[in-house]
Protein backbone atom coordinates (compact mmCIF):
# COMPACT_ATOMS: atom_id res chain seq x y z
CA MET A 1 -0.01 0.00 -0.01
CA SER A 2 1.48 3.32 -1.07
CA ALA A 3 1.86 6.18 1.42
CA PRO A 4 -0.70 9.00 1.32
CA LEU A 5 0.18 11.90 -0.91
CA ALA A 6 1.81 14.71 1.04
CA ILE A 7 0.30 18.04 0.10
CA TRP A 8 1.39 21.45 1.32
CA VAL A 9 -1.06 24.34 0.94
CA VAL A 10 0.90 27.63 0.73
CA SER A 11 -0.43 31.26 0.94
CA ASP A 12 -0.22 34.45 3.02
CA GLY A 13 -3.03 32.99 5.14
CA ARG A 14 -5.84 35.37 4.19
CA THR A 15 -9.05 33.26 3.99
CA GLY A 16 -10.06 34.23 0.49
CA ILE A 17 -6.52 33.46 -0.81
CA GLN A 18 -5.83 30.38 1.22
CA ASN A 19 -9.16 28.77 0.47
CA GLN A 20 -8.25 28.62 -3.33
CA ALA A 21 -5.17 26.41 -2.58
CA LEU A 22 -6.85 24.55 0.21
CA GLY A 23 -9.97 23.85 -1.84
CA LEU A 24 -7.81 22.35 -4.55
CA ALA A 25 -5.85 20.32 -2.07
CA GLU A 26 -9.07 18.94 -0.55
CA ALA A 27 -10.36 18.10 -4.02
CA VAL A 28 -7.17 16.03 -4.59
CA ALA A 29 -7.68 14.34 -1.18
CA ARG A 30 -11.18 13.33 -2.17
CA LEU A 31 -9.74 11.44 -5.14
CA THR A 32 -6.76 9.77 -3.45
CA PRO A 33 -5.40 9.34 0.07
CA ALA A 34 -3.55 12.39 1.11
CA GLN A 35 -2.33 14.39 4.11
CA ILE A 36 -2.67 18.18 3.91
CA GLU A 37 -0.51 20.63 5.72
CA ILE A 38 -1.08 24.42 5.69
CA LYS A 39 1.98 26.74 5.37
CA GLN A 40 1.68 30.47 5.66
CA VAL A 41 4.14 32.82 4.00
CA ARG A 42 4.64 36.32 5.19
CA TRP A 43 7.49 38.75 4.47
CA ARG A 44 8.94 41.38 6.73
CA ARG A 45 7.28 44.70 6.05
CA ALA A 46 10.49 46.28 4.77
CA PHE A 47 10.71 43.62 2.06
CA ASP A 48 7.04 42.90 1.29
CA ARG A 49 6.80 45.15 -1.73
CA LEU A 50 10.01 44.03 -3.30
CA PRO A 51 9.74 42.22 -6.67
CA SER A 52 9.50 38.47 -6.30
CA ALA A 53 12.87 38.04 -8.02
CA LEU A 54 14.64 39.96 -5.21
CA LYS A 55 13.18 38.17 -2.21
CA THR A 56 15.02 35.54 -0.36
CA PRO A 57 14.10 33.32 2.61
CA ALA A 58 16.12 35.61 4.89
CA MET A 59 13.43 38.28 4.37
CA LEU A 60 10.59 36.16 5.72
CA ALA A 61 8.76 37.44 8.73
CA PRO A 62 9.16 35.65 12.10
CA GLY A 63 6.64 32.82 12.42
CA SER A 64 6.45 32.42 8.60
CA PHE A 65 6.97 29.11 6.95
CA ASP A 66 10.71 28.94 6.16
CA PRO A 67 12.00 26.64 3.38
CA ARG A 68 15.47 26.63 5.04
CA THR A 69 14.04 24.38 7.77
CA VAL A 70 12.57 21.79 5.48
CA THR A 71 14.03 18.27 5.72
CA GLN A 72 11.36 16.43 3.77
CA TRP A 73 9.68 18.10 0.86
CA PRO A 74 6.02 17.19 -0.03
CA ASP A 75 4.82 15.35 -3.14
CA LEU A 76 2.57 18.23 -3.98
CA TRP A 77 2.95 21.96 -3.40
CA ILE A 78 -0.22 23.99 -4.09
CA ALA A 79 0.15 27.76 -3.66
CA THR A 80 -1.91 30.92 -4.16
CA GLY A 81 -1.04 34.56 -4.13
CA ARG A 82 1.81 36.92 -4.60
CA ALA A 83 3.46 36.11 -1.29
CA SER A 84 4.07 32.60 -2.27
CA LEU A 85 5.65 33.22 -5.64
CA PRO A 86 9.28 33.72 -4.52
CA LEU A 87 9.13 30.29 -2.86
CA SER A 88 7.02 28.53 -5.46
CA ALA A 89 9.36 29.36 -8.26
CA ARG A 90 12.28 27.64 -6.42
CA VAL A 91 10.66 24.59 -4.98
CA ARG A 92 11.60 22.29 -7.85
CA ASP A 93 15.30 23.13 -7.24
CA TRP A 94 15.02 22.92 -3.49
CA SER A 95 13.26 19.53 -3.64
CA SER A 96 15.60 18.19 -6.35
CA GLY A 97 12.51 17.74 -8.64
CA LYS A 98 10.60 15.62 -6.07
CA THR A 99 7.77 18.16 -5.50
CA PHE A 100 5.17 18.83 -8.13
CA VAL A 101 4.43 22.59 -7.97
CA VAL A 102 0.99 24.01 -8.65
CA GLN A 103 0.30 27.70 -8.58
CA THR A 104 -3.30 29.06 -8.85
CA GLN A 105 -4.23 32.38 -10.38
CA ASP A 106 -1.96 34.05 -12.99
CA PRO A 107 1.50 34.32 -11.44
CA ARG A 108 2.65 37.00 -13.99
CA TRP A 109 6.22 36.02 -13.14
CA ARG A 110 8.40 33.11 -14.18
CA ASN A 111 5.47 31.03 -15.39
CA ASP A 112 7.87 28.28 -16.57
CA ARG A 113 8.92 27.56 -13.02
CA TYR A 114 5.64 25.86 -12.08
CA ASP A 115 4.59 22.29 -13.17
CA LEU A 116 1.00 23.48 -13.50
CA ILE A 117 -0.77 26.77 -13.34
CA VAL A 118 -4.50 26.51 -12.48
CA ALA A 119 -5.76 29.91 -13.82
CA PRO A 120 -9.17 31.56 -14.19
CA ALA A 121 -10.21 31.40 -17.88
CA HIS A 122 -11.23 34.98 -17.69
CA ASP A 123 -7.65 35.97 -17.21
CA GLY A 124 -6.80 34.74 -20.67
CA LEU A 125 -3.59 33.00 -19.71
CA SER A 126 -2.23 30.36 -22.02
CA GLY A 127 0.79 28.05 -22.13
CA PRO A 128 1.85 24.46 -22.10
CA ASN A 129 1.60 24.19 -18.31
CA VAL A 130 -1.67 26.17 -17.96
CA LEU A 131 -5.04 24.71 -17.04
CA SER A 132 -7.88 27.18 -17.53
CA ILE A 133 -10.92 26.79 -15.32
CA THR A 134 -14.10 28.81 -14.91
CA GLY A 135 -13.51 30.95 -11.78
CA SER A 136 -11.05 29.94 -9.15
CA PRO A 137 -10.63 26.78 -7.00
CA HIS A 138 -12.72 26.88 -3.79
CA ARG A 139 -13.85 24.70 -0.95
CA ILE A 140 -17.54 24.55 -1.56
CA THR A 141 -19.10 21.12 -2.11
CA ARG A 142 -22.62 19.91 -1.53
CA ALA A 143 -21.35 17.75 1.31
CA ARG A 144 -19.58 20.66 2.99
CA LEU A 145 -22.70 22.87 2.71
CA ALA A 146 -24.83 20.10 4.22
CA GLU A 147 -22.36 19.57 7.02
CA ALA A 148 -22.56 23.27 7.96
CA ALA A 149 -26.43 23.39 8.00
CA PRO A 150 -27.26 21.78 11.37
CA ALA A 151 -25.39 24.40 13.41
CA PHE A 152 -27.57 27.14 12.06
CA ALA A 153 -30.82 25.16 11.56
CA SER A 154 -32.68 26.88 14.45
CA ARG A 155 -32.19 30.25 12.76
CA ILE A 156 -32.76 29.17 9.12
CA ALA A 157 -35.22 26.27 9.13
CA PRO A 158 -38.31 28.30 10.10
CA LEU A 159 -37.83 30.80 7.30
CA PRO A 160 -40.26 30.69 4.33
CA HIS A 161 -39.29 29.68 0.87
CA PRO A 162 -38.00 30.91 -1.47
CA ARG A 163 -34.95 31.69 0.60
CA VAL A 164 -32.72 34.24 -1.08
CA ALA A 165 -29.02 34.20 -0.10
CA VAL A 166 -27.33 37.59 -0.88
CA MET A 167 -23.53 37.81 -0.99
CA VAL A 168 -22.46 41.46 -0.93
CA GLY A 169 -18.91 42.49 -1.83
CA GLY A 170 -17.61 45.97 -1.83
CA ALA A 171 -15.06 48.55 -2.96
CA SER A 172 -12.26 47.33 -5.18
CA ALA A 173 -10.07 48.59 -7.98
CA ALA A 174 -12.79 47.79 -10.52
CA PHE A 175 -16.05 48.45 -8.64
CA ASP A 176 -17.62 50.68 -5.98
CA LEU A 177 -20.62 50.46 -3.75
CA PRO A 178 -21.69 53.97 -2.71
CA PRO A 179 -24.62 54.34 -0.29
CA ALA A 180 -27.12 55.54 -2.89
CA HIS A 181 -26.39 52.50 -5.11
CA ALA A 182 -26.46 50.14 -2.12
CA ALA A 183 -29.82 51.60 -1.16
CA ASP A 184 -31.17 51.13 -4.71
CA LEU A 185 -29.93 47.46 -4.83
CA ALA A 186 -31.59 46.84 -1.38
CA GLU A 187 -34.87 48.28 -2.65
CA ARG A 188 -34.80 45.88 -5.66
CA ILE A 189 -33.96 42.90 -3.56
CA ALA A 190 -36.65 43.72 -0.99
CA GLU A 191 -39.26 43.98 -3.71
CA ALA A 192 -38.29 40.70 -5.18
CA VAL A 193 -38.25 38.81 -1.82
CA ALA A 194 -41.62 40.37 -0.72
CA ALA A 195 -43.30 39.64 -4.05
CA ALA A 196 -42.16 36.01 -3.75
CA LYS A 197 -43.25 35.88 -0.14
CA GLY A 198 -39.84 34.56 0.69
CA SER A 199 -36.98 35.30 3.10
CA LEU A 200 -33.48 36.82 3.11
CA LEU A 201 -30.13 35.35 4.09
CA LEU A 202 -27.42 38.04 3.73
CA THR A 203 -23.69 38.30 4.35
CA TYR A 204 -21.37 41.21 3.76
CA SER A 205 -17.69 40.96 2.96
CA ARG A 206 -14.80 42.60 4.70
CA ARG A 207 -14.69 44.99 1.73
CA THR A 208 -18.25 46.24 2.10
CA PRO A 209 -18.15 49.97 3.05
CA GLU A 210 -19.84 50.72 6.32
CA ALA A 211 -22.14 53.34 4.75
CA ALA A 212 -23.35 50.75 2.14
CA LYS A 213 -23.93 48.22 4.90
CA ALA A 214 -26.05 50.67 6.81
CA ALA A 215 -28.12 51.62 3.78
CA MET A 216 -28.79 47.99 2.82
CA THR A 217 -29.46 46.85 6.42
CA GLU A 218 -31.97 49.66 6.99
CA ARG A 219 -34.01 48.69 3.92
CA LEU A 220 -33.81 44.94 4.29
CA SER A 221 -34.09 44.38 8.02
CA ALA A 222 -37.82 44.33 7.90
CA LEU A 223 -37.88 41.21 5.70
CA PRO A 224 -38.16 37.69 7.24
CA GLY A 225 -34.61 36.34 7.41
CA TRP A 226 -31.13 36.88 8.73
CA ILE A 227 -28.61 39.59 8.06
CA TRP A 228 -25.37 38.29 9.64
CA ASP A 229 -23.69 40.90 11.69
CA GLY A 230 -20.27 39.37 11.42
CA GLU A 231 -20.33 38.06 15.05
CA GLY A 232 -19.81 34.41 15.81
CA ASP A 233 -19.33 31.60 13.32
CA ASN A 234 -19.70 32.46 9.71
CA PRO A 235 -23.07 31.01 8.43
CA LEU A 236 -22.30 31.43 4.72
CA PHE A 237 -22.16 27.71 3.90
CA ALA A 238 -25.37 27.05 5.77
CA MET A 239 -27.03 29.94 3.98
CA LEU A 240 -25.98 28.61 0.63
CA ASP A 241 -27.26 25.19 1.54
CA ALA A 242 -30.65 26.61 2.50
CA ALA A 243 -30.96 29.10 -0.43
CA ASP A 244 -33.26 28.62 -3.37
CA HIS A 245 -31.72 31.57 -5.05
CA ILE A 246 -28.27 33.21 -4.71
CA LEU A 247 -27.66 36.93 -5.46
CA VAL A 248 -23.97 37.95 -5.80
CA THR A 249 -22.51 41.40 -6.46
CA GLU A 250 -20.49 41.50 -9.66
CA ASP A 251 -17.18 42.58 -7.94
CA SER A 252 -16.07 39.03 -6.86
CA ALA A 253 -15.12 36.33 -9.32
CA ASN A 254 -14.70 33.98 -6.38
CA MET A 255 -18.17 34.54 -4.99
CA ALA A 256 -19.80 34.02 -8.42
CA ALA A 257 -17.89 30.75 -9.11
CA GLU A 258 -18.64 29.45 -5.62
CA ALA A 259 -22.35 30.19 -6.03
CA ALA A 260 -22.45 28.47 -9.40
CA SER A 261 -21.05 25.27 -7.80
CA THR A 262 -24.29 24.89 -5.84
CA GLY A 263 -26.57 24.27 -8.91
CA LYS A 264 -28.89 27.02 -7.63
CA PRO A 265 -29.93 30.02 -9.77
CA VAL A 266 -27.21 32.75 -9.49
CA HIS A 267 -28.33 36.35 -9.98
CA ILE A 268 -25.63 38.88 -10.68
CA LEU A 269 -26.14 42.29 -8.85
CA PRO A 270 -24.68 45.30 -10.65
CA MET A 271 -22.30 47.68 -8.94
CA VAL A 272 -20.77 51.04 -9.93
CA ALA A 273 -17.87 50.34 -12.32
CA LYS A 274 -14.62 52.30 -11.89
CA LYS A 275 -13.29 50.92 -15.16
CA ALA A 276 -14.24 48.59 -18.00
CA PRO A 277 -15.37 45.31 -16.32
CA GLY A 278 -13.01 43.25 -18.50
CA LYS A 279 -12.34 39.90 -16.84
CA PHE A 280 -15.55 40.09 -14.73
CA ALA A 281 -17.67 40.53 -17.78
CA ARG A 282 -15.86 37.50 -19.34
CA LEU A 283 -16.56 35.40 -16.27
CA HIS A 284 -20.20 36.34 -16.04
CA ALA A 285 -20.64 35.58 -19.80
CA ASP A 286 -19.04 32.19 -19.19
CA LEU A 287 -21.43 31.48 -16.26
CA GLN A 288 -24.32 32.73 -18.26
CA ALA A 289 -23.38 30.45 -21.22
CA ARG A 290 -23.30 27.56 -18.82
CA GLY A 291 -26.76 28.43 -17.68
CA ALA A 292 -25.59 29.11 -14.08
CA ALA A 293 -25.95 32.88 -13.85
CA ARG A 294 -28.05 35.73 -15.11
CA PRO A 295 -28.19 39.43 -14.46
CA PHE A 296 -30.65 40.23 -11.66
CA ASP A 297 -33.79 41.49 -13.25
CA GLY A 298 -35.89 41.85 -10.12
CA ALA A 299 -37.67 38.49 -10.59
CA LEU A 300 -36.90 35.29 -8.62
CA THR A 301 -37.52 32.98 -11.52
CA PRO A 302 -36.18 29.47 -10.87
CA TRP A 303 -34.01 27.56 -13.31
CA THR A 304 -31.70 24.57 -13.30
CA TYR A 305 -28.21 23.76 -14.62
CA ALA A 306 -25.38 21.34 -14.03
CA PRO A 307 -23.43 22.65 -11.07
CA LEU A 308 -19.86 23.77 -11.83
CA ASP A 309 -17.26 21.32 -10.63
CA GLU A 310 -14.12 23.07 -11.85
CA THR A 311 -12.18 22.47 -8.68
CA GLU A 312 -12.53 18.69 -9.04
CA ARG A 313 -11.63 18.91 -12.75
CA ALA A 314 -8.45 20.72 -11.76
CA ALA A 315 -7.69 18.02 -9.08
CA ARG A 316 -8.04 15.32 -11.66
CA ALA A 317 -5.66 17.13 -13.94
CA ILE A 318 -3.11 17.33 -11.16
CA LEU A 319 -3.29 13.68 -10.38
CA THR A 320 -2.96 12.81 -14.08
CA ALA A 321 0.13 14.99 -14.39
CA LEU A 322 1.62 13.49 -11.24
CA GLN A 323 1.09 9.94 -12.63
CA THR A 324 2.55 10.77 -16.02
CA ARG A 325 5.47 13.01 -15.14
């Protein structure tokens, strides 16, 4: 019997970044016996903004994963984010070729140094070691959503159908959510939920401006449902499990892809664009072509489609590459 696959998940530790690599590692582990370890990479503040080519392990912050201490390299290194790049690009050398290196997103630096790049199709990256997927890898599966549900059942189970999960993002380089626009979105959402005699399940992101939160909460708090205030355990997975419809603001590629993995109707909420939507428009067009998403038109019309399973597709590609290297 062969030993379990040793997988290291490497990122700066931020949840949204780490979950891409961790979700991909977990998908591999669902296909073959594996042991997953999480490694967090942080650079000293004085060196954090240096180009990746100039960073060395001596510049790592105290408490960070340090490759100089490694005595046994893993079979598989799955990394995400800018902080991981200076290490990912050198792992094949450090491990004498033992470790298969996977980088998610578009590294935009030394792309030939990774065995496989799992990149969002909307980024338009191509190359012999590139696997394009719709959206980004994530941790959402039907089983994980179902596992999360019981802890929040007392709050969610009594709510009337259709239950509408709303995932609100916020300010970014490409989009903004000023209070007036937030209030308008809230009004449209409230009208749709009230017309359907349904209920609301809403979460904000860390990027949601406080003024936008206040405007939306004021208008939506009268509806049956739950607007999570950020206190206690995050109910997002339970909300997605319970939802009949999912509304997602257009600023987050991750949220849209995660929502489309549920097989439930995904409605895209418009925001105020700071520049041409570019990759976001490409992603939403892809999701619409797959039947997963539509622009929110104020109606909660149900539809069905095959849930996206891009994380597992990427995991299978990794295992195939490992077996044929």
